[in-house]
N, C-alpha and C. Protein backbone atom coordinates (compact mmCIF):
# COMPACT_ATOMS: atom_id res chain seq x y z
N MET A 1 5.34 35.10 15.79
CA MET A 1 6.08 33.85 15.77
C MET A 1 7.45 34.13 15.15
N ASN A 2 8.49 33.70 15.80
CA ASN A 2 9.80 34.00 15.24
C ASN A 2 10.12 33.08 14.06
N LYS A 3 11.08 33.48 13.27
CA LYS A 3 11.40 32.79 12.01
C LYS A 3 11.89 31.37 12.24
N ILE A 4 12.68 31.17 13.26
CA ILE A 4 13.22 29.84 13.53
C ILE A 4 12.10 28.86 13.87
N PHE A 5 11.20 29.29 14.74
CA PHE A 5 10.09 28.42 15.12
C PHE A 5 9.19 28.14 13.92
N ARG A 6 8.96 29.15 13.12
CA ARG A 6 8.12 29.00 11.93
C ARG A 6 8.76 28.01 10.95
N CYS A 7 10.05 28.15 10.75
CA CYS A 7 10.79 27.23 9.88
C CYS A 7 10.71 25.80 10.41
N PHE A 8 10.85 25.66 11.72
CA PHE A 8 10.74 24.35 12.36
C PHE A 8 9.38 23.72 12.09
N LEU A 9 8.32 24.50 12.27
CA LEU A 9 6.97 23.99 12.03
C LEU A 9 6.75 23.61 10.57
N GLU A 10 7.25 24.43 9.67
CA GLU A 10 7.10 24.13 8.24
C GLU A 10 7.84 22.85 7.88
N THR A 11 9.01 22.66 8.46
CA THR A 11 9.78 21.44 8.22
C THR A 11 9.02 20.22 8.72
N LYS A 12 8.43 20.33 9.90
CA LYS A 12 7.66 19.21 10.45
C LYS A 12 6.44 18.91 9.59
N LEU A 13 5.81 19.96 9.09
CA LEU A 13 4.63 19.79 8.25
C LEU A 13 5.00 19.06 6.96
N VAL A 14 6.10 19.47 6.34
CA VAL A 14 6.56 18.82 5.11
C VAL A 14 6.90 17.36 5.39
N SER A 15 7.57 17.10 6.50
CA SER A 15 7.92 15.73 6.87
C SER A 15 6.68 14.89 7.08
N SER A 16 5.69 15.45 7.73
CA SER A 16 4.44 14.73 7.97
C SER A 16 3.73 14.41 6.67
N LYS A 17 3.68 15.38 5.77
CA LYS A 17 3.04 15.15 4.47
C LYS A 17 3.77 14.07 3.69
N PHE A 18 5.10 14.10 3.74
CA PHE A 18 5.88 13.08 3.06
C PHE A 18 5.57 11.70 3.63
N LEU A 19 5.52 11.59 4.95
CA LEU A 19 5.24 10.29 5.57
C LEU A 19 3.85 9.79 5.22
N ILE A 20 2.88 10.68 5.18
CA ILE A 20 1.51 10.29 4.81
C ILE A 20 1.50 9.76 3.38
N LEU A 21 2.16 10.46 2.47
CA LEU A 21 2.22 10.00 1.08
C LEU A 21 2.94 8.66 0.97
N ARG A 22 4.00 8.49 1.73
CA ARG A 22 4.75 7.23 1.70
C ARG A 22 3.88 6.08 2.19
N VAL A 23 3.14 6.30 3.24
CA VAL A 23 2.24 5.27 3.77
C VAL A 23 1.18 4.91 2.72
N GLN A 24 0.66 5.91 2.04
CA GLN A 24 -0.35 5.66 1.00
C GLN A 24 0.23 4.80 -0.12
N VAL A 25 1.46 5.09 -0.52
CA VAL A 25 2.11 4.29 -1.57
C VAL A 25 2.28 2.85 -1.10
N LEU A 26 2.72 2.68 0.13
CA LEU A 26 2.92 1.33 0.67
C LEU A 26 1.59 0.58 0.77
N GLU A 27 0.52 1.26 1.15
CA GLU A 27 -0.79 0.63 1.22
C GLU A 27 -1.26 0.20 -0.16
N GLU A 28 -1.02 1.02 -1.16
CA GLU A 28 -1.39 0.66 -2.53
C GLU A 28 -0.63 -0.57 -3.00
N LYS A 29 0.65 -0.63 -2.69
CA LYS A 29 1.45 -1.80 -3.06
C LYS A 29 0.94 -3.05 -2.36
N GLN A 30 0.62 -2.91 -1.08
CA GLN A 30 0.12 -4.04 -0.31
C GLN A 30 -1.22 -4.53 -0.88
N ASN A 31 -2.10 -3.60 -1.21
CA ASN A 31 -3.39 -3.97 -1.77
C ASN A 31 -3.22 -4.66 -3.12
N SER A 32 -2.28 -4.20 -3.91
CA SER A 32 -2.00 -4.81 -5.20
C SER A 32 -1.52 -6.25 -5.01
N LYS A 33 -0.66 -6.45 -4.03
CA LYS A 33 -0.16 -7.80 -3.76
C LYS A 33 -1.28 -8.71 -3.27
N LYS A 34 -2.17 -8.18 -2.44
CA LYS A 34 -3.31 -8.96 -1.97
C LYS A 34 -4.20 -9.38 -3.13
N GLU A 35 -4.44 -8.46 -4.05
CA GLU A 35 -5.26 -8.77 -5.22
C GLU A 35 -4.60 -9.86 -6.06
N THR A 36 -3.30 -9.77 -6.23
CA THR A 36 -2.57 -10.78 -7.00
C THR A 36 -2.68 -12.14 -6.33
N ILE A 37 -2.53 -12.18 -5.03
CA ILE A 37 -2.63 -13.44 -4.28
C ILE A 37 -4.03 -14.03 -4.42
N LEU A 38 -5.06 -13.20 -4.30
CA LEU A 38 -6.42 -13.69 -4.45
C LEU A 38 -6.66 -14.27 -5.84
N LYS A 39 -6.16 -13.60 -6.86
CA LYS A 39 -6.32 -14.10 -8.23
C LYS A 39 -5.62 -15.44 -8.40
N LEU A 40 -4.41 -15.56 -7.85
CA LEU A 40 -3.68 -16.82 -7.94
C LEU A 40 -4.41 -17.94 -7.19
N GLN A 41 -4.96 -17.62 -6.02
CA GLN A 41 -5.71 -18.62 -5.26
C GLN A 41 -6.93 -19.09 -6.04
N GLN A 42 -7.63 -18.14 -6.67
CA GLN A 42 -8.80 -18.49 -7.46
C GLN A 42 -8.41 -19.36 -8.65
N LYS A 43 -7.29 -19.03 -9.28
CA LYS A 43 -6.82 -19.81 -10.42
C LYS A 43 -6.46 -21.23 -9.98
N MET A 44 -5.78 -21.35 -8.83
CA MET A 44 -5.42 -22.66 -8.31
C MET A 44 -6.66 -23.48 -8.00
N GLN A 45 -7.65 -22.86 -7.38
CA GLN A 45 -8.89 -23.57 -7.06
C GLN A 45 -9.59 -24.03 -8.33
N SER A 46 -9.57 -23.18 -9.33
CA SER A 46 -10.19 -23.52 -10.61
C SER A 46 -9.47 -24.70 -11.25
N LEU A 47 -8.14 -24.69 -11.21
CA LEU A 47 -7.37 -25.79 -11.78
C LEU A 47 -7.60 -27.08 -11.00
N GLN A 48 -7.68 -26.98 -9.68
CA GLN A 48 -7.92 -28.17 -8.86
C GLN A 48 -9.31 -28.73 -9.11
N ALA A 49 -10.28 -27.85 -9.29
CA ALA A 49 -11.64 -28.30 -9.58
C ALA A 49 -11.68 -29.00 -10.94
N GLY A 50 -10.91 -28.49 -11.89
CA GLY A 50 -10.84 -29.10 -13.21
C GLY A 50 -10.21 -30.48 -13.17
N LYS A 51 -9.22 -30.69 -12.32
CA LYS A 51 -8.58 -32.00 -12.17
C LYS A 51 -9.56 -33.00 -11.57
N GLY A 52 -10.39 -32.54 -10.66
CA GLY A 52 -11.36 -33.42 -10.02
C GLY A 52 -12.40 -33.92 -10.99
N LYS A 53 -12.71 -33.14 -11.99
CA LYS A 53 -13.73 -33.53 -12.97
C LYS A 53 -13.16 -34.49 -14.00
N ALA A 54 -11.85 -34.42 -14.24
CA ALA A 54 -11.24 -35.23 -15.30
C ALA A 54 -11.08 -36.68 -14.90
């Protein structure tokens, strides 16, 4: 395999790994936001249920 082709493949591999890591970070952020939204929804439901009892 010539050096240029090998360098090209290594560059593509590094780029692919970077993109995979970036997607993982974005998924973690999205999951964190979903968890926050669920907690807020539960808190709102709890507060609404408390108002109904009062």
